[in-house]
Amino acid sequence: MTFATTLTLLRILLVPLFAGALLYHREYHEEGYSGFAWYYAAVALFALAALTDGVDGWIARQFNQRSRLGRILDPIADKLLLVTGIVLLGTIGVAGKGRLPLWFPVLVVSRDLILVSGTLFLGTLLHNYDFVKPHWTGKVCTFFQIAVVLVGLLLPGNASTWPILWAAGAMTSLSLVIYLKQGWYLLHQTNYGNSTQQ
């Protein structure tokens, strides 16, 4: 348990707080109150969680705090934060201001379900999960998805945010294609190796 891993755990704990703040904002708004305190709390909690995403990685590299637990928890924390934010902003949105177009959360959730299913399948087939290698498209995809959540919180429904949204959609789709190609290559190698041994 390193300090970098502690920050990752903090990011996981911030996810339900962020979701709760956004939901309470809508509830207060529907009851006729402004609920701005909850809205600003949601923005601040997401910003803090996004900040820990960069800080924990930097600390792990600079102070040699890389750990197996951190490697497992970091992508889980990222996905929990982003998927929660994108799904909430694409369904309930920001009360009284608007929401993200529904196609974006559908695309993001579909991509993650496909990749998780493929990883579990290949991991079971190969009897380990060390084959998972991050690709630059995945990192760029994460950056744009964070940007989408931020503009979805700060400027929901604003037409000026569409270029960021389309860029995020393109990178989400591209990263899915890249990881599927990597998975297909590994699957082909495995099948070829099995066939030559028989």
Protein backbone atom coordinates (compact mmCIF):
# COMPACT_ATOMS: atom_id res chain seq x y z
CA MET A 1 0.00 0.00 0.00
CA THR A 2 1.84 3.07 -1.30
CA PHE A 3 0.82 6.72 -1.27
CA ALA A 4 0.09 6.49 -5.01
CA THR A 5 -2.26 3.56 -4.39
CA THR A 6 -3.91 5.48 -1.55
CA LEU A 7 -4.71 8.29 -4.01
CA THR A 8 -6.20 5.71 -6.38
CA LEU A 9 -8.41 4.40 -3.57
CA LEU A 10 -9.43 7.98 -2.79
CA ARG A 11 -10.52 8.39 -6.43
CA ILE A 12 -12.73 5.30 -6.10
CA LEU A 13 -14.30 6.70 -2.92
CA LEU A 14 -14.98 10.03 -4.63
CA VAL A 15 -17.09 8.38 -7.36
CA PRO A 16 -20.24 7.74 -5.25
CA LEU A 17 -19.86 11.19 -3.64
CA PHE A 18 -19.75 12.81 -7.07
CA ALA A 19 -22.76 10.78 -8.25
CA GLY A 20 -24.69 11.58 -5.07
CA ALA A 21 -24.03 15.32 -5.42
CA LEU A 22 -25.28 15.33 -9.02
CA LEU A 23 -28.40 13.35 -8.08
CA TYR A 24 -29.15 15.59 -5.11
CA HIS A 25 -28.80 18.64 -7.37
CA ARG A 26 -31.52 17.24 -9.65
CA GLU A 27 -33.74 16.33 -6.70
CA TYR A 28 -33.50 19.81 -5.20
CA HIS A 29 -34.11 21.39 -8.61
CA GLU A 30 -37.25 19.30 -9.15
CA GLU A 31 -38.53 20.39 -5.75
CA GLY A 32 -38.19 24.04 -6.74
CA TYR A 33 -34.87 24.82 -5.06
CA SER A 34 -31.72 25.90 -6.86
CA GLY A 35 -29.52 23.13 -5.48
CA PHE A 36 -26.45 25.02 -6.69
CA ALA A 37 -24.44 23.91 -3.66
CA TRP A 38 -24.84 20.29 -4.77
CA TYR A 39 -24.00 21.23 -8.36
CA TYR A 40 -20.75 22.95 -7.36
CA ALA A 41 -19.96 20.05 -5.05
CA ALA A 42 -20.33 17.64 -8.01
CA VAL A 43 -18.00 19.77 -10.15
CA ALA A 44 -15.42 20.04 -7.36
CA LEU A 45 -15.54 16.32 -6.56
CA PHE A 46 -15.06 15.33 -10.19
CA ALA A 47 -12.21 17.82 -10.62
CA LEU A 48 -10.51 16.45 -7.48
CA ALA A 49 -10.93 12.86 -8.67
CA ALA A 50 -9.57 13.73 -12.13
CA LEU A 51 -6.60 15.46 -10.49
CA THR A 52 -5.71 12.37 -8.46
CA ASP A 53 -5.65 10.40 -11.73
CA GLY A 54 -2.62 12.35 -12.92
CA VAL A 55 -0.97 12.78 -9.53
CA ASP A 56 -0.96 9.12 -8.51
CA GLY A 57 0.69 8.10 -11.79
CA TRP A 58 3.32 10.82 -11.45
CA ILE A 59 4.09 9.82 -7.84
CA ALA A 60 4.32 6.15 -8.80
CA ARG A 61 6.86 6.94 -11.52
CA GLN A 62 8.90 9.59 -9.73
CA PHE A 63 9.18 7.81 -6.37
CA ASN A 64 9.21 4.23 -7.65
CA GLN A 65 5.87 3.40 -6.03
CA ARG A 66 4.62 1.11 -8.78
CA SER A 67 2.78 -1.88 -7.37
CA ARG A 68 0.68 -4.76 -8.64
CA LEU A 69 -2.28 -3.51 -6.61
CA GLY A 70 -1.92 -0.06 -8.17
CA ARG A 71 -1.82 -1.54 -11.68
CA ILE A 72 -5.13 -3.29 -10.97
CA LEU A 73 -6.90 -0.47 -9.15
CA ASP A 74 -5.89 2.46 -11.37
CA PRO A 75 -7.83 1.45 -14.51
CA ILE A 76 -10.77 0.36 -12.34
CA ALA A 77 -10.84 3.78 -10.67
CA ASP A 78 -10.63 5.53 -14.05
CA LYS A 79 -13.48 3.51 -15.50
CA LEU A 80 -15.72 3.93 -12.44
CA LEU A 81 -15.24 7.69 -12.50
CA LEU A 82 -15.66 8.20 -16.24
CA VAL A 83 -18.49 5.74 -16.86
CA THR A 84 -20.43 7.07 -13.85
CA GLY A 85 -20.00 10.65 -15.02
CA ILE A 86 -20.80 9.94 -18.66
CA VAL A 87 -23.87 7.80 -17.91
CA LEU A 88 -25.29 10.31 -15.42
CA LEU A 89 -24.66 13.28 -17.73
CA GLY A 90 -26.13 11.39 -20.67
CA THR A 91 -29.30 10.37 -18.82
CA ILE A 92 -30.25 12.88 -16.10
CA GLY A 93 -27.76 15.58 -17.14
CA VAL A 94 -27.41 18.79 -15.14
CA ALA A 95 -30.84 19.82 -13.89
CA GLY A 96 -32.22 22.79 -15.79
CA LYS A 97 -29.22 23.03 -18.12
CA GLY A 98 -29.19 19.97 -20.38
CA ARG A 99 -27.42 16.68 -20.88
CA LEU A 100 -25.02 14.86 -23.18
CA PRO A 101 -26.48 13.19 -26.29
CA LEU A 102 -27.48 9.62 -25.50
CA TRP A 103 -25.29 8.08 -28.23
CA PHE A 104 -22.14 8.99 -26.31
CA PRO A 105 -22.79 7.03 -23.08
CA VAL A 106 -24.07 4.12 -25.20
CA LEU A 107 -20.79 4.14 -27.18
CA VAL A 108 -18.61 4.39 -24.06
CA VAL A 109 -20.43 1.67 -22.11
CA SER A 110 -20.51 -0.65 -25.16
CA ARG A 111 -16.76 -0.19 -25.72
CA ASP A 112 -15.92 -0.95 -22.10
CA LEU A 113 -18.19 -4.00 -21.97
CA ILE A 114 -16.62 -5.39 -25.15
CA LEU A 115 -13.07 -4.80 -23.88
CA VAL A 116 -13.76 -6.25 -20.42
CA SER A 117 -15.42 -9.33 -21.94
CA GLY A 118 -12.54 -9.79 -24.38
CA THR A 119 -9.96 -9.39 -21.62
CA LEU A 120 -11.69 -11.96 -19.42
CA PHE A 121 -11.98 -14.38 -22.35
CA LEU A 122 -8.32 -14.07 -23.39
CA GLY A 123 -7.15 -14.09 -19.78
CA THR A 124 -8.97 -17.37 -19.19
CA LEU A 125 -7.60 -18.78 -22.43
CA LEU A 126 -4.00 -17.73 -21.70
CA HIS A 127 -4.24 -18.41 -17.94
CA ASN A 128 -2.90 -14.93 -17.11
CA TYR A 129 -3.73 -11.30 -17.68
CA ASP A 130 -0.25 -9.88 -18.23
CA PHE A 131 -0.93 -9.64 -21.97
CA VAL A 132 -2.89 -6.40 -21.45
CA LYS A 133 -0.69 -3.57 -22.76
CA PRO A 134 -1.88 0.05 -22.74
CA HIS A 135 -2.00 1.77 -26.12
CA TRP A 136 -1.68 5.51 -26.74
CA THR A 137 -5.18 5.63 -28.21
CA GLY A 138 -6.57 4.42 -24.90
CA LYS A 139 -4.80 7.23 -23.04
CA VAL A 140 -5.98 9.86 -25.52
CA CYS A 141 -9.48 8.39 -25.30
CA THR A 142 -9.41 8.76 -21.50
CA PHE A 143 -8.25 12.39 -21.82
CA PHE A 144 -11.11 13.27 -24.16
CA GLN A 145 -13.67 11.44 -22.02
CA ILE A 146 -12.55 13.46 -18.99
CA ALA A 147 -12.92 16.60 -21.12
CA VAL A 148 -16.45 15.52 -22.12
CA VAL A 149 -17.48 15.07 -18.48
CA LEU A 150 -16.06 18.49 -17.63
CA VAL A 151 -17.89 20.26 -20.47
CA GLY A 152 -20.97 18.19 -19.71
CA LEU A 153 -20.87 19.55 -16.16
CA LEU A 154 -19.90 23.12 -16.99
CA LEU A 155 -21.56 23.69 -20.39
CA PRO A 156 -24.28 21.04 -20.78
CA GLY A 157 -26.13 21.24 -24.07
CA ASN A 158 -23.90 24.03 -25.40
CA ALA A 159 -23.19 23.69 -29.14
CA SER A 160 -19.58 24.82 -28.62
CA THR A 161 -18.84 21.51 -26.88
CA TRP A 162 -19.71 19.37 -29.90
CA PRO A 163 -16.15 19.29 -31.36
CA ILE A 164 -14.86 17.83 -28.06
CA LEU A 165 -17.74 15.36 -28.01
CA TRP A 166 -17.11 14.16 -31.56
CA ALA A 167 -13.36 13.94 -30.94
CA ALA A 168 -14.03 11.84 -27.84
CA GLY A 169 -16.40 9.62 -29.81
CA ALA A 170 -13.82 9.15 -32.57
CA MET A 171 -11.03 8.27 -30.11
CA THR A 172 -13.34 5.92 -28.19
CA SER A 173 -14.14 4.08 -31.42
CA LEU A 174 -10.53 4.07 -32.62
CA SER A 175 -9.20 2.70 -29.34
CA LEU A 176 -11.83 -0.05 -29.45
CA VAL A 177 -10.67 -1.06 -32.94
CA ILE A 178 -6.99 -1.05 -31.89
CA TYR A 179 -7.60 -3.21 -28.80
CA LEU A 180 -9.79 -5.60 -30.77
CA LYS A 181 -7.00 -5.99 -33.34
CA GLN A 182 -4.52 -6.71 -30.53
CA GLY A 183 -6.92 -9.26 -29.04
CA TRP A 184 -7.48 -10.91 -32.42
CA TYR A 185 -3.72 -11.16 -32.94
CA LEU A 186 -3.25 -12.79 -29.51
CA LEU A 187 -6.14 -15.16 -30.15
CA HIS A 188 -4.66 -16.13 -33.53
CA GLN A 189 -1.27 -16.76 -31.93
CA THR A 190 -2.86 -18.92 -29.25
CA ASN A 191 -4.84 -20.97 -31.75
CA TYR A 192 -1.76 -21.37 -33.95
CA GLY A 193 0.34 -22.50 -30.99
CA ASN A 194 -2.29 -25.00 -29.91
CA SER A 195 -2.63 -26.40 -33.43
CA THR A 196 1.13 -26.93 -33.82
CA GLN A 197 1.33 -28.80 -30.53
CA GLN A 198 -1.41 -31.25 -31.43
